[in-house]
Amino acid sequence: RNPAQVQEADDPDEAEDEITGERSKRMPQVCNTNYNLNPALRQNILASEYYKTLAQLTSFHELVDEIYSNVSNGRPFIPNRPGEPSSCFCLLHKAFLLHLSYKQLQ
């Protein structure tokens, strides 16, 4: 590749689809360092055993597969388990960390 192609490929404002190779602009995040989550909820997410297993997810497609497999509702906490964050909100936090593109969010 020529240097211009390398610079374009390494653009931090773009994401590349690992299957198609298509590139698109990342979605800008307009939020605070807690991703606008309640600080107690975010702290519980980060301490969650389930969230720690999400470290192995590195792609958008892996994230989507995990959502289909483990999300059954959009509540922030698991019902009848005070303080334990739901898989939905753990995955939402992981999505913030992946800096998804416009195309991925369509």
PDB file of N, CA and C in Angstrom:
ATOM      1  N   ARG A   1       0.834  -1.200   0.000  1.00  0.00           N
ATOM      2  CA  ARG A   1       0.000   0.000   0.000  1.00  0.00           C
ATOM      3  C   ARG A   1       0.866   1.246   0.000  1.00  0.00           C
ATOM      4  N   ASN A   2       0.343   2.286  -0.589  1.00  0.00           N
ATOM      5  CA  ASN A   2       1.086   3.535  -0.546  1.00  0.00           C
ATOM      6  C   ASN A   2       0.804   4.247   0.782  1.00  0.00           C
ATOM      7  N   PRO A   3       1.619   5.224   1.185  1.00  0.00           N
ATOM      8  CA  PRO A   3       1.456   5.896   2.482  1.00  0.00           C
ATOM      9  C   PRO A   3       0.086   6.516   2.681  1.00  0.00           C
ATOM     10  N   ALA A   4      -0.533   7.040   1.625  1.00  0.00           N
ATOM     11  CA  ALA A   4      -1.866   7.636   1.762  1.00  0.00           C
ATOM     12  C   ALA A   4      -2.886   6.570   2.164  1.00  0.00           C
ATOM     13  N   GLN A   5      -2.772   5.367   1.612  1.00  0.00           N
ATOM     14  CA  GLN A   5      -3.694   4.286   1.962  1.00  0.00           C
ATOM     15  C   GLN A   5      -3.474   3.841   3.413  1.00  0.00           C
ATOM     16  N   VAL A   6      -2.238   3.800   3.855  1.00  0.00           N
ATOM     17  CA  VAL A   6      -1.951   3.397   5.224  1.00  0.00           C
ATOM     18  C   VAL A   6      -2.557   4.404   6.190  1.00  0.00           C
ATOM     19  N   GLN A   7      -2.386   5.697   5.918  1.00  0.00           N
ATOM     20  CA  GLN A   7      -2.934   6.720   6.799  1.00  0.00           C
ATOM     21  C   GLN A   7      -4.449   6.610   6.846  1.00  0.00           C
ATOM     22  N   GLU A   8      -5.095   6.402   5.692  1.00  0.00           N
ATOM     23  CA  GLU A   8      -6.545   6.288   5.656  1.00  0.00           C
ATOM     24  C   GLU A   8      -6.997   5.055   6.424  1.00  0.00           C
ATOM     25  N   ALA A   9      -6.292   3.948   6.289  1.00  0.00           N
ATOM     26  CA  ALA A   9      -6.664   2.706   6.954  1.00  0.00           C
ATOM     27  C   ALA A   9      -6.507   2.815   8.468  1.00  0.00           C
ATOM     28  N   ASP A  10      -5.578   3.646   8.939  1.00  0.00           N
ATOM     29  CA  ASP A  10      -5.330   3.776  10.367  1.00  0.00           C
ATOM     30  C   ASP A  10      -6.043   4.977  10.982  1.00  0.00           C
ATOM     31  N   ASP A  11      -6.990   5.571  10.275  1.00  0.00           N
ATOM     32  CA  ASP A  11      -7.712   6.741  10.755  1.00  0.00           C
ATOM     33  C   ASP A  11      -8.525   6.365  11.998  1.00  0.00           C
ATOM     34  N   PRO A  12      -8.243   6.987  13.156  1.00  0.00           N
ATOM     35  CA  PRO A  12      -8.969   6.637  14.374  1.00  0.00           C
ATOM     36  C   PRO A  12     -10.439   7.049  14.348  1.00  0.00           C
ATOM     37  N   ASP A  13     -10.814   7.916  13.386  1.00  0.00           N
ATOM     38  CA  ASP A  13     -12.206   8.338  13.271  1.00  0.00           C
ATOM     39  C   ASP A  13     -13.023   7.420  12.367  1.00  0.00           C
ATOM     40  N   GLU A  14     -12.415   6.321  11.918  1.00  0.00           N
ATOM     41  CA  GLU A  14     -13.114   5.365  11.071  1.00  0.00           C
ATOM     42  C   GLU A  14     -13.023   3.974  11.684  1.00  0.00           C
ATOM     43  N   ALA A  15     -14.022   3.161  11.340  1.00  0.00           N
ATOM     44  CA  ALA A  15     -14.038   1.760  11.764  1.00  0.00           C
ATOM     45  C   ALA A  15     -14.130   0.897  10.518  1.00  0.00           C
ATOM     46  N   GLU A  16     -13.450  -0.230  10.552  1.00  0.00           N
ATOM     47  CA  GLU A  16     -13.479  -1.156   9.421  1.00  0.00           C
ATOM     48  C   GLU A  16     -14.280  -2.388   9.804  1.00  0.00           C
ATOM     49  N   ASP A  17     -15.222  -2.758   8.935  1.00  0.00           N
ATOM     50  CA  ASP A  17     -15.990  -3.986   9.150  1.00  0.00           C
ATOM     51  C   ASP A  17     -15.061  -5.156   8.908  1.00  0.00           C
ATOM     52  N   GLU A  18     -14.905  -6.035   9.907  1.00  0.00           N
ATOM     53  CA  GLU A  18     -13.928  -7.125   9.787  1.00  0.00           C
ATOM     54  C   GLU A  18     -14.343  -8.189   8.775  1.00  0.00           C
ATOM     55  N   ILE A  19     -15.593  -8.191   8.353  1.00  0.00           N
ATOM     56  CA  ILE A  19     -16.030  -9.170   7.352  1.00  0.00           C
ATOM     57  C   ILE A  19     -15.930  -8.605   5.941  1.00  0.00           C
ATOM     58  N   THR A  20     -16.483  -7.403   5.727  1.00  0.00           N
ATOM     59  CA  THR A  20     -16.512  -6.832   4.380  1.00  0.00           C
ATOM     60  C   THR A  20     -15.307  -5.952   4.078  1.00  0.00           C
ATOM     61  N   GLY A  21     -14.640  -5.459   5.114  1.00  0.00           N
ATOM     62  CA  GLY A  21     -13.526  -4.544   4.911  1.00  0.00           C
ATOM     63  C   GLY A  21     -13.971  -3.117   4.657  1.00  0.00           C
ATOM     64  N   GLU A  22     -15.282  -2.898   4.623  1.00  0.00           N
ATOM     65  CA  GLU A  22     -15.825  -1.562   4.381  1.00  0.00           C
ATOM     66  C   GLU A  22     -15.517  -0.648   5.559  1.00  0.00           C
ATOM     67  N   ARG A  23     -15.168   0.609   5.268  1.00  0.00           N
ATOM     68  CA  ARG A  23     -14.832   1.578   6.303  1.00  0.00           C
ATOM     69  C   ARG A  23     -15.932   2.623   6.395  1.00  0.00           C
ATOM     70  N   SER A  24     -16.210   3.080   7.601  1.00  0.00           N
ATOM     71  CA  SER A  24     -17.159   4.172   7.786  1.00  0.00           C
ATOM     72  C   SER A  24     -16.775   4.976   9.025  1.00  0.00           C
ATOM     73  N   LYS A  25     -17.271   6.202   9.060  1.00  0.00           N
ATOM     74  CA  LYS A  25     -16.957   7.115  10.169  1.00  0.00           C
ATOM     75  C   LYS A  25     -17.514   6.559  11.472  1.00  0.00           C
ATOM     76  N   ARG A  26     -16.740   6.746  12.545  1.00  0.00           N
ATOM     77  CA  ARG A  26     -17.193   6.350  13.877  1.00  0.00           C
ATOM     78  C   ARG A  26     -18.253   7.326  14.364  1.00  0.00           C
ATOM     79  N   MET A  27     -19.157   6.824  15.186  1.00  0.00           N
ATOM     80  CA  MET A  27     -20.185   7.647  15.800  1.00  0.00           C
ATOM     81  C   MET A  27     -19.531   8.490  16.891  1.00  0.00           C
ATOM     82  N   PRO A  28     -19.680   9.815  16.855  1.00  0.00           N
ATOM     83  CA  PRO A  28     -19.082  10.621  17.924  1.00  0.00           C
ATOM     84  C   PRO A  28     -19.800  10.359  19.244  1.00  0.00           C
ATOM     85  N   GLN A  29     -19.056  10.329  20.319  1.00  0.00           N
ATOM     86  CA  GLN A  29     -19.644  10.119  21.632  1.00  0.00           C
ATOM     87  C   GLN A  29     -19.700  11.446  22.361  1.00  0.00           C
ATOM     88  N   VAL A  30     -20.906  11.878  22.646  1.00  0.00           N
ATOM     89  CA  VAL A  30     -21.113  13.129  23.358  1.00  0.00           C
ATOM     90  C   VAL A  30     -21.591  12.761  24.760  1.00  0.00           C
ATOM     91  N   CYS A  31     -20.627  12.464  25.609  1.00  0.00           N
ATOM     92  CA  CYS A  31     -20.966  12.038  26.969  1.00  0.00           C
ATOM     93  C   CYS A  31     -19.779  12.291  27.894  1.00  0.00           C
ATOM     94  N   ASN A  32     -20.028  12.088  29.175  1.00  0.00           N
ATOM     95  CA  ASN A  32     -18.953  12.278  30.143  1.00  0.00           C
ATOM     96  C   ASN A  32     -18.117  11.001  30.236  1.00  0.00           C
ATOM     97  N   THR A  33     -17.169  10.970  31.134  1.00  0.00           N
ATOM     98  CA  THR A  33     -16.278   9.808  31.245  1.00  0.00           C
ATOM     99  C   THR A  33     -16.998   8.560  31.746  1.00  0.00           C
ATOM    100  N   ASN A  34     -18.201   8.724  32.293  1.00  0.00           N
ATOM    101  CA  ASN A  34     -19.020   7.583  32.725  1.00  0.00           C
ATOM    102  C   ASN A  34     -20.005   7.166  31.643  1.00  0.00           C
ATOM    103  N   TYR A  35     -19.849   7.709  30.438  1.00  0.00           N
ATOM    104  CA  TYR A  35     -20.772   7.452  29.328  1.00  0.00           C
ATOM    105  C   TYR A  35     -22.211   7.799  29.722  1.00  0.00           C
ATOM    106  N   ASN A  36     -22.360   8.820  30.547  1.00  0.00           N
ATOM    107  CA  ASN A  36     -23.647   9.305  31.041  1.00  0.00           C
ATOM    108  C   ASN A  36     -24.431   8.251  31.820  1.00  0.00           C
ATOM    109  N   LEU A  37     -23.748   7.218  32.282  1.00  0.00           N
ATOM    110  CA  LEU A  37     -24.383   6.226  33.147  1.00  0.00           C
ATOM    111  C   LEU A  37     -24.301   6.707  34.588  1.00  0.00           C
ATOM    112  N   ASN A  38     -25.263   6.311  35.396  1.00  0.00           N
ATOM    113  CA  ASN A  38     -25.217   6.596  36.816  1.00  0.00           C
ATOM    114  C   ASN A  38     -23.902   6.041  37.349  1.00  0.00           C
ATOM    115  N   PRO A  39     -23.150   6.816  38.124  1.00  0.00           N
ATOM    116  CA  PRO A  39     -21.846   6.344  38.606  1.00  0.00           C
ATOM    117  C   PRO A  39     -21.911   5.013  39.372  1.00  0.00           C
ATOM    118  N   ALA A  40     -22.957   4.809  40.176  1.00  0.00           N
ATOM    119  CA  ALA A  40     -23.078   3.544  40.911  1.00  0.00           C
ATOM    120  C   ALA A  40     -23.313   2.387  39.945  1.00  0.00           C
ATOM    121  N   LEU A  41     -24.143   2.608  38.913  1.00  0.00           N
ATOM    122  CA  LEU A  41     -24.384   1.566  37.916  1.00  0.00           C
ATOM    123  C   LEU A  41     -23.093   1.238  37.179  1.00  0.00           C
ATOM    124  N   ARG A  42     -22.358   2.257  36.770  1.00  0.00           N
ATOM    125  CA  ARG A  42     -21.100   2.018  36.054  1.00  0.00           C
ATOM    126  C   ARG A  42     -20.103   1.263  36.930  1.00  0.00           C
ATOM    127  N   GLN A  43     -20.023   1.625  38.184  1.00  0.00           N
ATOM    128  CA  GLN A  43     -19.115   0.930  39.099  1.00  0.00           C
ATOM    129  C   GLN A  43     -19.513  -0.544  39.224  1.00  0.00           C
ATOM    130  N   ASN A  44     -20.822  -0.813  39.318  1.00  0.00           N
ATOM    131  CA  ASN A  44     -21.293  -2.199  39.395  1.00  0.00           C
ATOM    132  C   ASN A  44     -21.030  -2.957  38.102  1.00  0.00           C
ATOM    133  N   ILE A  45     -21.151  -2.277  36.967  1.00  0.00           N
ATOM    134  CA  ILE A  45     -20.848  -2.911  35.676  1.00  0.00           C
ATOM    135  C   ILE A  45     -19.379  -3.326  35.649  1.00  0.00           C
ATOM    136  N   LEU A  46     -18.496  -2.405  36.000  1.00  0.00           N
ATOM    137  CA  LEU A  46     -17.057  -2.685  35.946  1.00  0.00           C
ATOM    138  C   LEU A  46     -16.638  -3.797  36.900  1.00  0.00           C
ATOM    139  N   ALA A  47     -17.378  -3.968  38.001  1.00  0.00           N
ATOM    140  CA  ALA A  47     -17.067  -5.009  38.982  1.00  0.00           C
ATOM    141  C   ALA A  47     -17.744  -6.345  38.649  1.00  0.00           C
ATOM    142  N   SER A  48     -18.646  -6.336  37.692  1.00  0.00           N
ATOM    143  CA  SER A  48     -19.430  -7.526  37.350  1.00  0.00           C
ATOM    144  C   SER A  48     -18.571  -8.624  36.724  1.00  0.00           C
ATOM    145  N   GLU A  49     -18.792  -9.855  37.156  1.00  0.00           N
ATOM    146  CA  GLU A  49     -18.081 -11.000  36.577  1.00  0.00           C
ATOM    147  C   GLU A  49     -18.437 -11.151  35.095  1.00  0.00           C
ATOM    148  N   TYR A  50     -19.710 -10.936  34.765  1.00  0.00           N
ATOM    149  CA  TYR A  50     -20.126 -11.034  33.353  1.00  0.00           C
ATOM    150  C   TYR A  50     -19.377 -10.007  32.507  1.00  0.00           C
ATOM    151  N   TYR A  51     -19.303  -8.772  32.995  1.00  0.00           N
ATOM    152  CA  TYR A  51     -18.620  -7.724  32.233  1.00  0.00           C
ATOM    153  C   TYR A  51     -17.156  -8.087  31.999  1.00  0.00           C
ATOM    154  N   LYS A  52     -16.525  -8.680  32.989  1.00  0.00           N
ATOM    155  CA  LYS A  52     -15.121  -9.066  32.846  1.00  0.00           C
ATOM    156  C   LYS A  52     -14.929 -10.093  31.733  1.00  0.00           C
ATOM    157  N   THR A  53     -15.931 -10.941  31.495  1.00  0.00           N
ATOM    158  CA  THR A  53     -15.828 -11.923  30.399  1.00  0.00           C
ATOM    159  C   THR A  53     -15.933 -11.247  29.034  1.00  0.00           C
ATOM    160  N   LEU A  54     -16.478 -10.035  29.000  1.00  0.00           N
ATOM    161  CA  LEU A  54     -16.635  -9.321  27.723  1.00  0.00           C
ATOM    162  C   LEU A  54     -15.317  -8.772  27.189  1.00  0.00           C
ATOM    163  N   ALA A  55     -14.265  -8.833  27.975  1.00  0.00           N
ATOM    164  CA  ALA A  55     -12.963  -8.344  27.521  1.00  0.00           C
ATOM    165  C   ALA A  55     -12.504  -9.084  26.270  1.00  0.00           C
ATOM    166  N   GLN A  56     -12.954 -10.315  26.099  1.00  0.00           N
ATOM    167  CA  GLN A  56     -12.554 -11.100  24.929  1.00  0.00           C
ATOM    168  C   GLN A  56     -13.237 -10.628  23.645  1.00  0.00           C
ATOM    169  N   LEU A  57     -14.313  -9.856  23.759  1.00  0.00           N
ATOM    170  CA  LEU A  57     -15.002  -9.354  22.569  1.00  0.00           C
ATOM    171  C   LEU A  57     -14.227  -8.177  22.002  1.00  0.00           C
ATOM    172  N   THR A  58     -13.830  -8.292  20.758  1.00  0.00           N
ATOM    173  CA  THR A  58     -13.058  -7.201  20.149  1.00  0.00           C
ATOM    174  C   THR A  58     -13.689  -6.664  18.874  1.00  0.00           C
ATOM    175  N   SER A  59     -14.792  -7.266  18.438  1.00  0.00           N
ATOM    176  CA  SER A  59     -15.390  -6.795  17.193  1.00  0.00           C
ATOM    177  C   SER A  59     -16.884  -6.520  17.365  1.00  0.00           C
ATOM    178  N   PHE A  60     -17.394  -5.735  16.471  1.00  0.00           N
ATOM    179  CA  PHE A  60     -18.814  -5.410  16.452  1.00  0.00           C
ATOM    180  C   PHE A  60     -19.652  -6.679  16.295  1.00  0.00           C
ATOM    181  N   HIS A  61     -19.238  -7.582  15.418  1.00  0.00           N
ATOM    182  CA  HIS A  61     -20.015  -8.798  15.163  1.00  0.00           C
ATOM    183  C   HIS A  61     -20.051  -9.714  16.385  1.00  0.00           C
ATOM    184  N   GLU A  62     -18.979  -9.774  17.123  1.00  0.00           N
ATOM    185  CA  GLU A  62     -18.978 -10.548  18.372  1.00  0.00           C
ATOM    186  C   GLU A  62     -19.931  -9.918  19.386  1.00  0.00           C
ATOM    187  N   LEU A  63     -19.947  -8.593  19.436  1.00  0.00           N
ATOM    188  CA  LEU A  63     -20.847  -7.880  20.337  1.00  0.00           C
ATOM    189  C   LEU A  63     -22.297  -8.177  19.979  1.00  0.00           C
ATOM    190  N   VAL A  64     -22.635  -8.123  18.707  1.00  0.00           N
ATOM    191  CA  VAL A  64     -24.003  -8.398  18.263  1.00  0.00           C
ATOM    192  C   VAL A  64     -24.408  -9.828  18.622  1.00  0.00           C
ATOM    193  N   ASP A  65     -23.525 -10.788  18.387  1.00  0.00           N
ATOM    194  CA  ASP A  65     -23.822 -12.176  18.750  1.00  0.00           C
ATOM    195  C   ASP A  65     -24.100 -12.298  20.250  1.00  0.00           C
ATOM    196  N   GLU A  66     -23.321 -11.607  21.056  1.00  0.00           N
ATOM    197  CA  GLU A  66     -23.493 -11.647  22.508  1.00  0.00           C
ATOM    198  C   GLU A  66     -24.826 -11.011  22.912  1.00  0.00           C
ATOM    199  N   ILE A  67     -25.211  -9.946  22.244  1.00  0.00           N
ATOM    200  CA  ILE A  67     -26.501  -9.301  22.524  1.00  0.00           C
ATOM    201  C   ILE A  67     -27.640 -10.265  22.227  1.00  0.00           C
ATOM    202  N   TYR A  68     -27.607 -10.905  21.040  1.00  0.00           N
ATOM    203  CA  TYR A  68     -28.669 -11.854  20.683  1.00  0.00           C
ATOM    204  C   TYR A  68     -28.722 -13.026  21.651  1.00  0.00           C
ATOM    205  N   SER A  69     -27.582 -13.447  22.166  1.00  0.00           N
ATOM    206  CA  SER A  69     -27.532 -14.602  23.061  1.00  0.00           C
ATOM    207  C   SER A  69     -27.933 -14.287  24.500  1.00  0.00           C
ATOM    208  N   ASN A  70     -27.662 -13.069  24.970  1.00  0.00           N
ATOM    209  CA  ASN A  70     -27.772 -12.814  26.405  1.00  0.00           C
ATOM    210  C   ASN A  70     -28.652 -11.656  26.854  1.00  0.00           C
ATOM    211  N   VAL A  71     -29.264 -10.938  25.933  1.00  0.00           N
ATOM    212  CA  VAL A  71     -30.101  -9.807  26.354  1.00  0.00           C
ATOM    213  C   VAL A  71     -31.574 -10.165  26.152  1.00  0.00           C
ATOM    214  N   SER A  72     -32.328 -10.097  27.258  1.00  0.00           N
ATOM    215  CA  SER A  72     -33.761 -10.393  27.185  1.00  0.00           C
ATOM    216  C   SER A  72     -34.624  -9.185  27.561  1.00  0.00           C
ATOM    217  N   ASN A  73     -33.999  -8.144  28.127  1.00  0.00           N
ATOM    218  CA  ASN A  73     -34.737  -6.925  28.463  1.00  0.00           C
ATOM    219  C   ASN A  73     -33.758  -5.755  28.523  1.00  0.00           C
ATOM    220  N   GLY A  74     -34.301  -4.555  28.677  1.00  0.00           N
ATOM    221  CA  GLY A  74     -33.470  -3.356  28.681  1.00  0.00           C
ATOM    222  C   GLY A  74     -33.327  -2.716  30.043  1.00  0.00           C
ATOM    223  N   ARG A  75     -33.548  -3.483  31.096  1.00  0.00           N
ATOM    224  CA  ARG A  75     -33.423  -2.942  32.454  1.00  0.00           C
ATOM    225  C   ARG A  75     -31.950  -2.778  32.829  1.00  0.00           C
ATOM    226  N   PRO A  76     -31.638  -1.755  33.637  1.00  0.00           N
ATOM    227  CA  PRO A  76     -30.239  -1.562  34.032  1.00  0.00           C
ATOM    228  C   PRO A  76     -29.741  -2.614  35.026  1.00  0.00           C
ATOM    229  N   PHE A  77     -30.651  -3.134  35.856  1.00  0.00           N
ATOM    230  CA  PHE A  77     -30.254  -4.139  36.855  1.00  0.00           C
ATOM    231  C   PHE A  77     -31.064  -5.414  36.667  1.00  0.00           C
ATOM    232  N   ILE A  78     -30.517  -6.532  37.111  1.00  0.00           N
ATOM    233  CA  ILE A  78     -31.220  -7.814  37.045  1.00  0.00           C
ATOM    234  C   ILE A  78     -32.314  -7.811  38.111  1.00  0.00           C
ATOM    235  N   PRO A  79     -33.560  -8.101  37.716  1.00  0.00           N
ATOM    236  CA  PRO A  79     -34.652  -8.120  38.697  1.00  0.00           C
ATOM    237  C   PRO A  79     -34.364  -9.105  39.837  1.00  0.00           C
ATOM    238  N   ASN A  80     -34.730  -8.708  41.039  1.00  0.00           N
ATOM    239  CA  ASN A  80     -34.572  -9.524  42.260  1.00  0.00           C
ATOM    240  C   ASN A  80     -33.117  -9.791  42.633  1.00  0.00           C
ATOM    241  N   ARG A  81     -32.189  -9.036  42.059  1.00  0.00           N
ATOM    242  CA  ARG A  81     -30.766  -9.155  42.413  1.00  0.00           C
ATOM    243  C   ARG A  81     -30.207  -7.742  42.545  1.00  0.00           C
ATOM    244  N   PRO A  82     -30.491  -7.113  43.661  1.00  0.00           N
ATOM    245  CA  PRO A  82     -30.135  -5.697  43.846  1.00  0.00           C
ATOM    246  C   PRO A  82     -28.664  -5.394  43.544  1.00  0.00           C
ATOM    247  N   GLY A  83     -28.474  -4.371  42.735  1.00  0.00           N
ATOM    248  CA  GLY A  83     -27.127  -3.911  42.436  1.00  0.00           C
ATOM    249  C   GLY A  83     -26.401  -4.679  41.350  1.00  0.00           C
ATOM    250  N   GLU A  84     -26.962  -5.801  40.888  1.00  0.00           N
ATOM    251  CA  GLU A  84     -26.269  -6.574  39.851  1.00  0.00           C
ATOM    252  C   GLU A  84     -26.703  -6.077  38.472  1.00  0.00           C
ATOM    253  N   PRO A  85     -25.766  -5.529  37.694  1.00  0.00           N
ATOM    254  CA  PRO A  85     -26.127  -4.949  36.390  1.00  0.00           C
ATOM    255  C   PRO A  85     -26.568  -6.020  35.403  1.00  0.00           C
ATOM    256  N   SER A  86     -27.485  -5.631  34.544  1.00  0.00           N
ATOM    257  CA  SER A  86     -27.992  -6.556  33.527  1.00  0.00           C
ATOM    258  C   SER A  86     -26.964  -6.741  32.412  1.00  0.00           C
ATOM    259  N   SER A  87     -27.131  -7.834  31.677  1.00  0.00           N
ATOM    260  CA  SER A  87     -26.261  -8.072  30.519  1.00  0.00           C
ATOM    261  C   SER A  87     -26.431  -6.950  29.500  1.00  0.00           C
ATOM    262  N   CYS A  88     -27.643  -6.415  29.389  1.00  0.00           N
ATOM    263  CA  CYS A  88     -27.905  -5.323  28.450  1.00  0.00           C
ATOM    264  C   CYS A  88     -27.007  -4.122  28.731  1.00  0.00           C
ATOM    265  N   PHE A  89     -26.920  -3.704  29.985  1.00  0.00           N
ATOM    266  CA  PHE A  89     -26.126  -2.521  30.307  1.00  0.00           C
ATOM    267  C   PHE A  89     -24.631  -2.820  30.312  1.00  0.00           C
ATOM    268  N   CYS A  90     -24.254  -4.052  30.617  1.00  0.00           N
ATOM    269  CA  CYS A  90     -22.841  -4.432  30.497  1.00  0.00           C
ATOM    270  C   CYS A  90     -22.418  -4.352  29.029  1.00  0.00           C
ATOM    271  N   LEU A  91     -23.285  -4.827  28.144  1.00  0.00           N
ATOM    272  CA  LEU A  91     -22.974  -4.802  26.712  1.00  0.00           C
ATOM    273  C   LEU A  91     -23.040  -3.384  26.150  1.00  0.00           C
ATOM    274  N   LEU A  92     -23.921  -2.568  26.686  1.00  0.00           N
ATOM    275  CA  LEU A  92     -23.979  -1.163  26.278  1.00  0.00           C
ATOM    276  C   LEU A  92     -22.651  -0.475  26.605  1.00  0.00           C
ATOM    277  N   HIS A  93     -22.141  -0.717  27.797  1.00  0.00           N
ATOM    278  CA  HIS A  93     -20.850  -0.132  28.181  1.00  0.00           C
ATOM    279  C   HIS A  93     -19.751  -0.633  27.250  1.00  0.00           C
ATOM    280  N   LYS A  94     -19.765  -1.915  26.926  1.00  0.00           N
ATOM    281  CA  LYS A  94     -18.765  -2.471  26.004  1.00  0.00           C
ATOM    282  C   LYS A  94     -18.887  -1.809  24.629  1.00  0.00           C
ATOM    283  N   ALA A  95     -20.108  -1.553  24.187  1.00  0.00           N
ATOM    284  CA  ALA A  95     -20.315  -0.887  22.895  1.00  0.00           C
ATOM    285  C   ALA A  95     -19.689   0.502  22.898  1.00  0.00           C
ATOM    286  N   PHE A  96     -19.806   1.223  24.001  1.00  0.00           N
ATOM    287  CA  PHE A  96     -19.153   2.533  24.098  1.00  0.00           C
ATOM    288  C   PHE A  96     -17.653   2.394  23.905  1.00  0.00           C
ATOM    289  N   LEU A  97     -17.073   1.374  24.499  1.00  0.00           N
ATOM    290  CA  LEU A  97     -15.616   1.183  24.411  1.00  0.00           C
ATOM    291  C   LEU A  97     -15.151   0.800  23.010  1.00  0.00           C
ATOM    292  N   LEU A  98     -16.039   0.187  22.222  1.00  0.00           N
ATOM    293  CA  LEU A  98     -15.672  -0.217  20.859  1.00  0.00           C
ATOM    294  C   LEU A  98     -15.743   0.945  19.869  1.00  0.00           C
ATOM    295  N   HIS A  99     -16.306   2.085  20.287  1.00  0.00           N
ATOM    296  CA  HIS A  99     -16.407   3.267  19.417  1.00  0.00           C
ATOM    297  C   HIS A  99     -16.977   2.877  18.053  1.00  0.00           C
ATOM    298  N   LEU A 100     -18.222   2.443  18.053  1.00  0.00           N
ATOM    299  CA  LEU A 100     -18.868   1.945  16.842  1.00  0.00           C
ATOM    300  C   LEU A 100     -19.057   3.038  15.794  1.00  0.00           C
ATOM    301  N   SER A 101     -19.178   2.606  14.555  1.00  0.00           N
ATOM    302  CA  SER A 101     -19.361   3.535  13.441  1.00  0.00           C
ATOM    303  C   SER A 101     -20.855   3.739  13.166  1.00  0.00           C
ATOM    304  N   TYR A 102     -21.154   4.759  12.354  1.00  0.00           N
ATOM    305  CA  TYR A 102     -22.520   4.997  11.936  1.00  0.00           C
ATOM    306  C   TYR A 102     -23.092   3.759  11.246  1.00  0.00           C
ATOM    307  N   LYS A 103     -22.314   3.184  10.354  1.00  0.00           N
ATOM    308  CA  LYS A 103     -22.746   2.013   9.591  1.00  0.00           C
ATOM    309  C   LYS A 103     -23.071   0.849  10.517  1.00  0.00           C
ATOM    310  N   GLN A 104     -22.270   0.617  11.530  1.00  0.00           N
ATOM    311  CA  GLN A 104     -22.514  -0.485  12.451  1.00  0.00           C
ATOM    312  C   GLN A 104     -23.788  -0.264  13.261  1.00  0.00           C
ATOM    313  N   LEU A 105     -24.127   0.971  13.544  1.00  0.00           N
ATOM    314  CA  LEU A 105     -25.304   1.261  14.340  1.00  0.00           C
ATOM    315  C   LEU A 105     -26.598   1.314  13.538  1.00  0.00           C
ATOM    316  N   GLN A 106     -26.520   1.179  12.228  1.00  0.00           N
ATOM    317  CA  GLN A 106     -27.737   1.201  11.405  1.00  0.00           C
ATOM    318  C   GLN A 106     -28.511  -0.069  11.544  1.00  0.00           C
TER     319      GLN A 106
END
